[in-house]
Protein backbone atom coordinates (compact mmCIF):
# COMPACT_ATOMS: atom_id res chain seq x y z
CA MET A 1 1.79 -8.91 -45.05
CA ALA A 2 3.93 -6.74 -42.45
CA HIS A 3 2.46 -6.20 -39.08
CA THR A 4 3.74 -3.32 -37.08
CA THR A 5 2.88 -3.14 -33.41
CA PHE A 6 2.59 -0.08 -31.08
CA THR A 7 2.45 -0.24 -27.61
CA LEU A 8 1.21 2.47 -25.45
CA ARG A 9 2.11 2.16 -21.61
CA ALA A 10 0.70 4.53 -19.00
CA GLU A 11 0.98 4.30 -15.23
CA GLY A 12 -1.88 5.50 -13.10
CA ALA A 13 -5.37 6.57 -14.03
CA TRP A 14 -6.13 8.17 -17.08
CA GLU A 15 -8.84 10.92 -17.12
CA ALA A 16 -11.83 9.36 -19.50
CA ASP A 17 -11.62 12.57 -21.70
CA THR A 18 -7.77 11.88 -22.35
CA LEU A 19 -8.09 8.55 -23.35
CA ALA A 20 -11.25 9.65 -25.69
CA HIS A 21 -8.48 11.88 -27.38
CA ILE A 22 -6.02 9.45 -27.60
CA ARG A 23 -8.61 6.70 -29.14
CA GLU A 24 -9.29 9.36 -31.73
CA GLU A 25 -5.79 10.48 -32.61
CA LEU A 26 -4.56 7.06 -33.19
CA ALA A 27 -7.78 5.68 -35.11
CA GLU A 28 -7.33 8.75 -37.42
CA ILE A 29 -3.83 7.54 -38.31
CA ALA A 30 -4.79 4.08 -38.61
CA TYR A 31 -7.38 5.26 -41.17
CA ASP A 32 -4.98 7.09 -43.11
CA ASN A 33 -2.57 4.38 -43.20
CA LYS A 34 -4.91 1.58 -43.99
CA LEU A 35 -4.11 -0.30 -40.77
CA GLN A 36 -6.30 -2.13 -38.35
CA LEU A 37 -6.55 -0.33 -34.89
CA THR A 38 -6.76 -3.38 -32.22
CA GLU A 39 -6.76 -2.22 -28.57
CA LYS A 40 -6.15 -3.97 -25.69
CA THR A 41 -5.50 -3.32 -21.74
CA VAL A 42 -3.55 -5.04 -19.68
CA ALA A 43 -3.42 -4.14 -15.94
CA SER A 44 -0.04 -3.71 -14.43
CA LYS A 45 1.24 -6.10 -12.11
CA LEU A 46 1.84 -3.99 -8.75
CA THR A 47 3.88 -5.10 -5.86
CA ALA A 48 3.41 -3.24 -2.61
CA ARG A 49 5.80 -3.18 0.65
CA VAL A 50 5.90 -1.80 4.19
CA PHE A 51 9.09 -1.19 6.08
CA ARG A 52 10.09 0.75 8.95
CA ASP A 53 11.01 4.32 8.11
CA PRO A 54 14.61 4.37 7.67
CA ARG A 55 14.33 8.31 9.29
CA PRO A 56 11.50 8.12 11.41
CA TYR A 57 10.45 12.04 12.28
CA SER A 58 10.39 12.86 16.11
CA PRO A 59 6.96 13.87 16.80
CA ARG A 60 8.43 16.34 19.16
CA GLU A 61 10.04 18.46 16.65
CA ASP A 62 6.72 18.90 15.55
CA ASP A 63 5.35 22.82 15.92
CA GLY A 64 1.62 21.57 16.01
CA ASN A 65 1.76 20.01 19.64
CA LEU A 66 -0.20 21.44 21.75
CA GLY A 67 1.43 19.59 24.32
CA VAL A 68 4.85 20.08 26.40
CA MET A 69 6.74 16.72 27.58
CA HIS A 70 9.32 18.28 30.31
CA CYS A 71 11.56 15.13 30.99
CA ARG A 72 14.80 14.70 32.78
CA HIS A 73 16.92 11.78 32.56
CA GLY A 74 20.68 10.82 33.03
CA ARG A 75 20.99 8.47 29.87
CA TYR A 76 18.33 9.60 27.52
CA THR A 77 17.40 12.91 25.94
CA LEU A 78 13.51 12.79 25.88
CA GLY A 79 10.45 15.11 25.47
CA ASP A 80 11.05 18.41 24.24
CA PRO A 81 14.70 19.68 24.47
CA ASP A 82 13.84 23.18 25.18
CA ALA A 83 10.48 22.67 27.72
CA VAL A 84 10.17 24.86 30.43
CA ALA A 85 9.20 23.22 33.99
CA PRO A 86 5.68 23.40 34.65
CA PHE A 87 6.30 25.59 37.63
CA TYR A 88 7.35 27.95 35.24
CA ALA A 89 4.93 28.09 32.61
CA GLY A 90 1.98 29.65 33.73
CA PRO A 91 -1.52 28.31 34.65
CA LEU A 92 -1.78 25.17 33.42
CA ALA A 93 -5.20 23.25 32.28
CA VAL A 94 -3.66 19.71 32.78
CA GLU A 95 -0.66 18.66 34.26
CA LEU A 96 0.08 14.41 33.95
CA PRO A 97 2.76 12.67 34.99
CA ILE A 98 5.11 10.49 32.64
CA TYR A 99 6.66 7.58 33.98
CA MET A 100 8.99 5.51 31.97
CA LEU A 101 9.83 1.52 31.56
CA ASP A 102 13.30 0.93 30.47
CA HIS A 103 13.63 -3.02 30.08
CA SER A 104 14.34 -4.59 26.41
CA GLY A 105 13.06 -1.18 25.01
CA LEU A 106 11.67 2.20 26.13
CA ALA A 107 8.13 2.76 27.27
CA LEU A 108 6.12 5.93 28.60
CA SER A 109 2.85 6.11 30.48
CA HIS A 110 0.79 8.47 32.58
CA THR A 111 0.23 6.03 34.93
CA PRO A 112 3.15 3.85 37.05
CA PHE A 113 4.16 0.67 35.48
CA SER A 114 3.65 -2.66 37.54
CA CYS A 115 7.35 -3.09 37.18
CA PRO A 116 9.31 -0.88 40.21
CA TRP A 117 12.98 -1.76 39.08
CA ASP A 118 13.07 -0.77 35.55
CA SER A 119 10.61 1.82 35.85
CA GLY A 120 10.23 5.13 37.66
CA LEU A 121 8.71 8.86 36.96
CA LEU A 122 10.38 10.49 34.30
CA GLY A 123 8.54 14.16 33.63
CA THR A 124 5.68 15.78 33.28
CA HIS A 125 3.24 16.40 30.40
CA TYR A 126 0.94 19.25 30.18
CA MET A 127 -0.59 22.01 28.56
CA THR A 128 -1.20 25.69 29.58
CA LEU A 129 -4.35 27.00 30.17
CA ALA A 130 -3.83 29.51 27.15
CA VAL A 131 -3.34 27.32 25.23
CA ALA A 132 -6.14 24.85 25.62
CA LYS A 133 -8.47 27.94 25.72
CA ASP A 134 -7.57 28.97 22.39
CA ASN A 135 -8.13 25.48 21.26
CA TRP A 136 -11.58 24.65 22.53
CA PRO A 137 -12.86 27.91 22.58
CA GLU A 138 -16.35 26.80 22.91
CA THR A 139 -16.18 24.62 25.85
CA PRO A 140 -19.01 25.09 28.23
CA GLY A 141 -17.90 26.91 31.47
CA GLU A 142 -17.40 23.72 33.26
CA GLU A 143 -13.45 23.27 33.71
CA THR A 144 -13.75 19.41 34.03
CA GLU A 145 -15.00 19.08 30.50
CA LEU A 146 -11.87 20.96 29.36
CA GLN A 147 -9.90 19.04 31.18
CA GLU A 148 -11.17 15.96 29.98
CA LEU A 149 -10.88 17.21 26.43
CA VAL A 150 -7.13 17.96 27.06
CA GLU A 151 -6.44 14.83 28.89
CA GLU A 152 -7.38 12.77 25.71
CA TYR A 153 -5.51 15.04 23.50
CA LEU A 154 -2.48 14.66 25.72
CA LYS A 155 -3.08 10.58 25.60
CA THR A 156 -2.90 10.78 21.98
CA GLU A 157 0.59 12.78 21.91
CA LEU A 158 2.33 10.37 24.30
CA ARG A 159 1.03 7.31 22.42
CA VAL A 160 2.67 8.84 19.14
CA TYR A 161 5.85 9.67 20.65
CA ASN A 162 5.45 5.73 22.00
CA ASN A 163 5.32 4.86 18.51
CA PHE A 164 8.25 6.83 17.88
CA ILE A 165 10.73 5.92 20.53
CA GLN A 166 9.78 2.31 19.95
CA GLY A 167 10.19 2.03 16.18
CA ASN A 168 6.64 1.90 15.01
CA VAL A 169 6.91 4.41 12.32
CA TRP A 170 6.60 3.11 8.90
CA GLY A 171 6.66 3.48 5.32
CA TYR A 172 5.26 2.04 1.83
CA GLU A 173 5.59 1.53 -1.30
CA VAL A 174 3.98 0.35 -4.31
CA VAL A 175 6.11 -0.41 -7.31
CA ASP A 176 5.32 -2.04 -10.63
CA GLU A 177 6.80 -5.04 -12.92
CA GLU A 178 10.07 -2.77 -13.49
CA ASP A 179 10.02 -1.80 -9.29
CA GLU A 180 9.51 1.54 -10.55
CA ILE A 181 7.76 3.33 -7.48
CA VAL A 182 4.02 4.40 -8.17
CA ASP A 183 2.58 5.31 -5.41
CA SER A 184 4.67 5.84 -2.04
CA CYS A 185 4.72 7.71 1.82
CA TYR A 186 6.72 7.74 4.91
CA GLY A 187 6.14 8.82 8.17
CA PHE A 188 3.15 6.19 9.76
CA TYR A 189 3.31 5.88 13.22
CA GLY A 190 1.15 3.20 14.99
CA GLU A 191 1.69 -0.88 16.16
CA ARG A 192 -1.83 -1.43 14.44
CA LEU A 193 -2.62 -0.91 10.50
CA GLY A 194 -5.67 1.11 11.08
CA GLU A 195 -3.60 3.33 13.62
CA THR A 196 -1.19 4.19 11.15
CA GLN A 197 -3.92 5.39 8.77
CA ILE A 198 -1.70 4.28 5.76
CA LEU A 199 -4.85 3.24 4.25
CA ASP A 200 -6.37 6.84 4.04
CA ASN A 201 -3.55 8.03 2.71
CA CYS A 202 -2.58 5.33 -0.16
CA SER A 203 -4.41 5.34 -3.58
CA HIS A 204 -7.75 3.43 -3.04
CA GLU A 205 -6.67 0.62 -5.82
CA HIS A 206 -3.85 -0.18 -3.53
CA ILE A 207 -5.43 -0.69 -0.44
CA GLU A 208 -5.87 -4.61 -0.87
CA LEU A 209 -1.97 -4.98 -1.78
CA LEU A 210 -1.11 -2.61 1.47
CA ILE A 211 -3.22 -4.86 3.80
CA GLU A 212 -1.37 -8.03 2.49
CA ALA A 213 2.39 -6.13 2.69
CA TRP A 214 1.44 -5.25 6.27
CA LYS A 215 0.88 -8.88 6.90
CA ARG A 216 4.49 -9.20 5.46
CA ARG A 217 6.06 -6.30 6.84
CA PHE A 218 8.61 -8.30 9.05
CA GLU A 219 9.68 -10.66 6.38
CA ALA A 220 13.06 -10.25 5.06
């Protein structure tokens, strides 16, 4: 007796109603042709990889930045290219200095570095009072509370920008046995996996794969 085998391959998760409909259709075909229908589900073997984003996007090009980085340096173009000096920006909610360390790479900080020879003042990181009040309108009248909120926000902006200039921008791909991409995304900033938010973005079934891929991200 001749045997005919049909293989139905699907990528990703299917809705239960869709699978039920396919089973009904196949069952009718099998009945009409006096065939025995055998169903076997085989999970695809997936592989994940995490790597440095080859075309990282500067966070200072994002229109959503609330802070302004006014930086001046003779060799590097840093901060916001069209930034207005704080003196001309109007009333400020917060103004923080930006220091740069230039030693085996660049690093930025709102506080001075311990090495006086390879570091120095680079510029200013500020937010206008108007922008601060627009984004924290329900802040109680005490000025110190608004300043604290703005300072924390500016620290986050600087941390993300630091990751960009230091190359800590990542992408990930999840591929099947044929090296076809089933899940991917790029533009995650951070030194640690939790900071990058990769696991918040990926499909739930790929989390464990990406945790292992993160550990191997520097392997050739």
